[in-house]
Amino acid sequence: KEEFIEKERKIRIGHPSGIMEVKINLRKQKNNWLVEKAVVGRTARIIMDGIAYVPLSKLKR
């Protein structure tokens, strides 16, 4: 579509693990669309560090 010309847009791409967001810059060149830039970000966050804090009252003796 014409509104994509020379503007950064976010698109969503589905893949086996879910959906990822991609930033793209498109430009119309003659009768074709040219992708000038595509940016994909991916993060991994720690959800455990191997230490469990259990109150003494919960431990069986």
PDB file of N, CA and C in Angstrom:
ATOM      1  N   LYS A   1       0.829  -1.185   0.000  1.00  0.00           N
ATOM      2  CA  LYS A   1       0.000   0.000   0.000  1.00  0.00           C
ATOM      3  C   LYS A   1       0.874   1.249   0.000  1.00  0.00           C
ATOM      4  N   GLU A   2       0.354   2.304  -0.547  1.00  0.00           N
ATOM      5  CA  GLU A   2       1.117   3.548  -0.673  1.00  0.00           C
ATOM      6  C   GLU A   2       1.498   4.165   0.664  1.00  0.00           C
ATOM      7  N   GLU A   3       0.728   3.932   1.728  1.00  0.00           N
ATOM      8  CA  GLU A   3       1.051   4.571   3.007  1.00  0.00           C
ATOM      9  C   GLU A   3       2.333   4.040   3.633  1.00  0.00           C
ATOM     10  N   PHE A   4       2.889   2.946   3.100  1.00  0.00           N
ATOM     11  CA  PHE A   4       4.133   2.404   3.624  1.00  0.00           C
ATOM     12  C   PHE A   4       5.367   3.125   3.090  1.00  0.00           C
ATOM     13  N   ILE A   5       5.210   3.961   2.107  1.00  0.00           N
ATOM     14  CA  ILE A   5       6.366   4.564   1.444  1.00  0.00           C
ATOM     15  C   ILE A   5       7.206   5.380   2.429  1.00  0.00           C
ATOM     16  N   GLU A   6       8.500   5.024   2.507  1.00  0.00           N
ATOM     17  CA  GLU A   6       9.505   5.738   3.286  1.00  0.00           C
ATOM     18  C   GLU A   6       9.081   6.030   4.716  1.00  0.00           C
ATOM     19  N   LYS A   7       8.426   5.094   5.354  1.00  0.00           N
ATOM     20  CA  LYS A   7       8.067   5.222   6.762  1.00  0.00           C
ATOM     21  C   LYS A   7       8.457   3.936   7.470  1.00  0.00           C
ATOM     22  N   GLU A   8       8.905   4.086   8.707  1.00  0.00           N
ATOM     23  CA  GLU A   8       9.185   2.892   9.489  1.00  0.00           C
ATOM     24  C   GLU A   8       7.872   2.356  10.024  1.00  0.00           C
ATOM     25  N   ARG A   9       7.650   1.088   9.833  1.00  0.00           N
ATOM     26  CA  ARG A   9       6.431   0.422  10.288  1.00  0.00           C
ATOM     27  C   ARG A   9       6.806  -0.830  11.059  1.00  0.00           C
ATOM     28  N   LYS A  10       5.886  -1.279  11.883  1.00  0.00           N
ATOM     29  CA  LYS A  10       6.060  -2.541  12.590  1.00  0.00           C
ATOM     30  C   LYS A  10       5.103  -3.555  11.988  1.00  0.00           C
ATOM     31  N   ILE A  11       5.643  -4.731  11.677  1.00  0.00           N
ATOM     32  CA  ILE A  11       4.802  -5.820  11.216  1.00  0.00           C
ATOM     33  C   ILE A  11       4.988  -6.990  12.169  1.00  0.00           C
ATOM     34  N   ARG A  12       4.046  -7.891  12.178  1.00  0.00           N
ATOM     35  CA  ARG A  12       4.124  -9.069  13.040  1.00  0.00           C
ATOM     36  C   ARG A  12       4.200 -10.306  12.157  1.00  0.00           C
ATOM     37  N   ILE A  13       5.165 -11.173  12.476  1.00  0.00           N
ATOM     38  CA  ILE A  13       5.376 -12.387  11.703  1.00  0.00           C
ATOM     39  C   ILE A  13       5.145 -13.582  12.613  1.00  0.00           C
ATOM     40  N   GLY A  14       4.308 -14.503  12.181  1.00  0.00           N
ATOM     41  CA  GLY A  14       4.065 -15.722  12.944  1.00  0.00           C
ATOM     42  C   GLY A  14       5.123 -16.767  12.629  1.00  0.00           C
ATOM     43  N   HIS A  15       5.561 -17.488  13.651  1.00  0.00           N
ATOM     44  CA  HIS A  15       6.533 -18.566  13.488  1.00  0.00           C
ATOM     45  C   HIS A  15       6.182 -19.661  14.488  1.00  0.00           C
ATOM     46  N   PRO A  16       6.824 -20.830  14.430  1.00  0.00           N
ATOM     47  CA  PRO A  16       6.433 -21.953  15.287  1.00  0.00           C
ATOM     48  C   PRO A  16       6.428 -21.657  16.791  1.00  0.00           C
ATOM     49  N   SER A  17       7.263 -20.731  17.251  1.00  0.00           N
ATOM     50  CA  SER A  17       7.319 -20.427  18.686  1.00  0.00           C
ATOM     51  C   SER A  17       6.415 -19.276  19.093  1.00  0.00           C
ATOM     52  N   GLY A  18       5.721 -18.664  18.154  1.00  0.00           N
ATOM     53  CA  GLY A  18       4.840 -17.549  18.505  1.00  0.00           C
ATOM     54  C   GLY A  18       4.832 -16.474  17.435  1.00  0.00           C
ATOM     55  N   ILE A  19       4.831 -15.232  17.887  1.00  0.00           N
ATOM     56  CA  ILE A  19       4.786 -14.090  16.978  1.00  0.00           C
ATOM     57  C   ILE A  19       5.931 -13.150  17.324  1.00  0.00           C
ATOM     58  N   MET A  20       6.619 -12.650  16.313  1.00  0.00           N
ATOM     59  CA  MET A  20       7.681 -11.677  16.552  1.00  0.00           C
ATOM     60  C   MET A  20       7.368 -10.390  15.800  1.00  0.00           C
ATOM     61  N   GLU A  21       7.809  -9.293  16.374  1.00  0.00           N
ATOM     62  CA  GLU A  21       7.607  -7.988  15.763  1.00  0.00           C
ATOM     63  C   GLU A  21       8.859  -7.612  14.980  1.00  0.00           C
ATOM     64  N   VAL A  22       8.661  -7.083  13.778  1.00  0.00           N
ATOM     65  CA  VAL A  22       9.764  -6.665  12.917  1.00  0.00           C
ATOM     66  C   VAL A  22       9.522  -5.219  12.496  1.00  0.00           C
ATOM     67  N   LYS A  23      10.538  -4.376  12.652  1.00  0.00           N
ATOM     68  CA  LYS A  23      10.444  -2.995  12.163  1.00  0.00           C
ATOM     69  C   LYS A  23      10.981  -2.984  10.739  1.00  0.00           C
ATOM     70  N   ILE A  24      10.242  -2.352   9.840  1.00  0.00           N
ATOM     71  CA  ILE A  24      10.666  -2.320   8.443  1.00  0.00           C
ATOM     72  C   ILE A  24      10.560  -0.910   7.874  1.00  0.00           C
ATOM     73  N   ASN A  25      11.417  -0.623   6.915  1.00  0.00           N
ATOM     74  CA  ASN A  25      11.313   0.581   6.087  1.00  0.00           C
ATOM     75  C   ASN A  25      11.121   0.096   4.654  1.00  0.00           C
ATOM     76  N   LEU A  26      10.033   0.507   4.028  1.00  0.00           N
ATOM     77  CA  LEU A  26       9.741   0.138   2.648  1.00  0.00           C
ATOM     78  C   LEU A  26       9.752   1.373   1.767  1.00  0.00           C
ATOM     79  N   ARG A  27      10.127   1.158   0.523  1.00  0.00           N
ATOM     80  CA  ARG A  27      10.076   2.246  -0.452  1.00  0.00           C
ATOM     81  C   ARG A  27       9.644   1.649  -1.780  1.00  0.00           C
ATOM     82  N   LYS A  28       8.768   2.335  -2.467  1.00  0.00           N
ATOM     83  CA  LYS A  28       8.336   1.862  -3.780  1.00  0.00           C
ATOM     84  C   LYS A  28       9.345   2.316  -4.820  1.00  0.00           C
ATOM     85  N   GLN A  29       9.815   1.360  -5.606  1.00  0.00           N
ATOM     86  CA  GLN A  29      10.808   1.643  -6.644  1.00  0.00           C
ATOM     87  C   GLN A  29      10.258   1.079  -7.954  1.00  0.00           C
ATOM     88  N   LYS A  30       9.821   1.951  -8.814  1.00  0.00           N
ATOM     89  CA  LYS A  30       9.128   1.583 -10.053  1.00  0.00           C
ATOM     90  C   LYS A  30       7.885   0.786  -9.678  1.00  0.00           C
ATOM     91  N   ASN A  31       7.792  -0.466 -10.099  1.00  0.00           N
ATOM     92  CA  ASN A  31       6.611  -1.278  -9.783  1.00  0.00           C
ATOM     93  C   ASN A  31       6.860  -2.270  -8.655  1.00  0.00           C
ATOM     94  N   ASN A  32       7.965  -2.125  -7.937  1.00  0.00           N
ATOM     95  CA  ASN A  32       8.316  -3.073  -6.882  1.00  0.00           C
ATOM     96  C   ASN A  32       8.470  -2.367  -5.546  1.00  0.00           C
ATOM     97  N   TRP A  33       8.368  -3.137  -4.479  1.00  0.00           N
ATOM     98  CA  TRP A  33       8.637  -2.626  -3.132  1.00  0.00           C
ATOM     99  C   TRP A  33      10.055  -3.014  -2.752  1.00  0.00           C
ATOM    100  N   LEU A  34      10.793  -2.075  -2.201  1.00  0.00           N
ATOM    101  CA  LEU A  34      12.164  -2.303  -1.763  1.00  0.00           C
ATOM    102  C   LEU A  34      12.193  -2.215  -0.246  1.00  0.00           C
ATOM    103  N   VAL A  35      12.702  -3.253   0.394  1.00  0.00           N
ATOM    104  CA  VAL A  35      12.878  -3.227   1.847  1.00  0.00           C
ATOM    105  C   VAL A  35      14.228  -2.580   2.103  1.00  0.00           C
ATOM    106  N   GLU A  36      14.209  -1.387   2.655  1.00  0.00           N
ATOM    107  CA  GLU A  36      15.456  -0.671   2.929  1.00  0.00           C
ATOM    108  C   GLU A  36      16.065  -1.085   4.256  1.00  0.00           C
ATOM    109  N   LYS A  37      15.214  -1.496   5.183  1.00  0.00           N
ATOM    110  CA  LYS A  37      15.711  -1.841   6.512  1.00  0.00           C
ATOM    111  C   LYS A  37      14.721  -2.793   7.164  1.00  0.00           C
ATOM    112  N   ALA A  38      15.252  -3.799   7.856  1.00  0.00           N
ATOM    113  CA  ALA A  38      14.421  -4.702   8.654  1.00  0.00           C
ATOM    114  C   ALA A  38      15.161  -4.950   9.962  1.00  0.00           C
ATOM    115  N   VAL A  39      14.476  -4.741  11.078  1.00  0.00           N
ATOM    116  CA  VAL A  39      15.094  -4.888  12.394  1.00  0.00           C
ATOM    117  C   VAL A  39      14.293  -5.893  13.207  1.00  0.00           C
ATOM    118  N   VAL A  40      14.994  -6.904  13.704  1.00  0.00           N
ATOM    119  CA  VAL A  40      14.364  -7.925  14.540  1.00  0.00           C
ATOM    120  C   VAL A  40      15.073  -7.910  15.883  1.00  0.00           C
ATOM    121  N   GLY A  41      14.319  -7.854  16.944  1.00  0.00           N
ATOM    122  CA  GLY A  41      14.897  -7.910  18.284  1.00  0.00           C
ATOM    123  C   GLY A  41      14.457  -9.181  18.984  1.00  0.00           C
ATOM    124  N   ARG A  42      15.323  -9.714  19.768  1.00  0.00           N
ATOM    125  CA  ARG A  42      14.979 -10.919  20.509  1.00  0.00           C
ATOM    126  C   ARG A  42      15.619 -10.820  21.883  1.00  0.00           C
ATOM    127  N   THR A  43      14.862 -11.174  22.884  1.00  0.00           N
ATOM    128  CA  THR A  43      15.397 -11.128  24.243  1.00  0.00           C
ATOM    129  C   THR A  43      15.225 -12.480  24.911  1.00  0.00           C
ATOM    130  N   ALA A  44      16.054 -12.713  25.877  1.00  0.00           N
ATOM    131  CA  ALA A  44      15.925 -13.892  26.725  1.00  0.00           C
ATOM    132  C   ALA A  44      16.106 -13.393  28.149  1.00  0.00           C
ATOM    133  N   ARG A  45      15.156 -13.677  28.987  1.00  0.00           N
ATOM    134  CA  ARG A  45      15.281 -13.202  30.358  1.00  0.00           C
ATOM    135  C   ARG A  45      15.431 -14.386  31.301  1.00  0.00           C
ATOM    136  N   ILE A  46      16.167 -14.178  32.333  1.00  0.00           N
ATOM    137  CA  ILE A  46      16.378 -15.219  33.332  1.00  0.00           C
ATOM    138  C   ILE A  46      15.117 -15.338  34.172  1.00  0.00           C
ATOM    139  N   ILE A  47      14.613 -16.551  34.288  1.00  0.00           N
ATOM    140  CA  ILE A  47      13.448 -16.750  35.148  1.00  0.00           C
ATOM    141  C   ILE A  47      13.816 -17.543  36.400  1.00  0.00           C
ATOM    142  N   MET A  48      15.002 -18.141  36.417  1.00  0.00           N
ATOM    143  CA  MET A  48      15.483 -18.856  37.604  1.00  0.00           C
ATOM    144  C   MET A  48      16.996 -18.723  37.665  1.00  0.00           C
ATOM    145  N   ASP A  49      17.532 -18.737  38.897  1.00  0.00           N
ATOM    146  CA  ASP A  49      18.983 -18.698  39.010  1.00  0.00           C
ATOM    147  C   ASP A  49      19.525 -19.887  39.790  1.00  0.00           C
ATOM    148  N   GLY A  50      18.673 -20.857  40.075  1.00  0.00           N
ATOM    149  CA  GLY A  50      19.126 -22.067  40.748  1.00  0.00           C
ATOM    150  C   GLY A  50      19.050 -22.013  42.260  1.00  0.00           C
ATOM    151  N   ILE A  51      18.531 -20.947  42.839  1.00  0.00           N
ATOM    152  CA  ILE A  51      18.415 -20.828  44.290  1.00  0.00           C
ATOM    153  C   ILE A  51      16.941 -20.774  44.661  1.00  0.00           C
ATOM    154  N   ALA A  52      16.558 -21.605  45.604  1.00  0.00           N
ATOM    155  CA  ALA A  52      15.173 -21.586  46.094  1.00  0.00           C
ATOM    156  C   ALA A  52      15.196 -21.196  47.565  1.00  0.00           C
ATOM    157  N   TYR A  53      14.391 -20.233  47.932  1.00  0.00           N
ATOM    158  CA  TYR A  53      14.296 -19.786  49.313  1.00  0.00           C
ATOM    159  C   TYR A  53      13.025 -20.371  49.908  1.00  0.00           C
ATOM    160  N   VAL A  54      13.215 -21.293  50.856  1.00  0.00           N
ATOM    161  CA  VAL A  54      12.079 -21.982  51.474  1.00  0.00           C
ATOM    162  C   VAL A  54      12.054 -21.626  52.954  1.00  0.00           C
ATOM    163  N   PRO A  55      10.920 -21.154  53.461  1.00  0.00           N
ATOM    164  CA  PRO A  55      10.831 -20.841  54.888  1.00  0.00           C
ATOM    165  C   PRO A  55      11.060 -22.101  55.734  1.00  0.00           C
ATOM    166  N   LEU A  56      11.742 -21.932  56.864  1.00  0.00           N
ATOM    167  CA  LEU A  56      11.993 -23.073  57.749  1.00  0.00           C
ATOM    168  C   LEU A  56      10.703 -23.761  58.164  1.00  0.00           C
ATOM    169  N   SER A  57       9.638 -23.007  58.302  1.00  0.00           N
ATOM    170  CA  SER A  57       8.359 -23.591  58.719  1.00  0.00           C
ATOM    171  C   SER A  57       7.809 -24.578  57.685  1.00  0.00           C
ATOM    172  N   LYS A  58       8.275 -24.521  56.478  1.00  0.00           N
ATOM    173  CA  LYS A  58       7.804 -25.423  55.420  1.00  0.00           C
ATOM    174  C   LYS A  58       8.640 -26.695  55.304  1.00  0.00           C
ATOM    175  N   LEU A  59       9.798 -26.718  55.958  1.00  0.00           N
ATOM    176  CA  LEU A  59      10.668 -27.890  55.880  1.00  0.00           C
ATOM    177  C   LEU A  59      10.234 -28.945  56.884  1.00  0.00           C
ATOM    178  N   LYS A  60      10.204 -30.212  56.458  1.00  0.00           N
ATOM    179  CA  LYS A  60       9.878 -31.309  57.377  1.00  0.00           C
ATOM    180  C   LYS A  60      11.139 -31.685  58.129  1.00  0.00           C
ATOM    181  N   ARG A  61      10.956 -31.995  59.405  1.00  0.00           N
ATOM    182  CA  ARG A  61      12.112 -32.408  60.210  1.00  0.00           C
ATOM    183  C   ARG A  61      12.000 -33.841  60.589  1.00  0.00           C
TER     184      ARG A  61
END
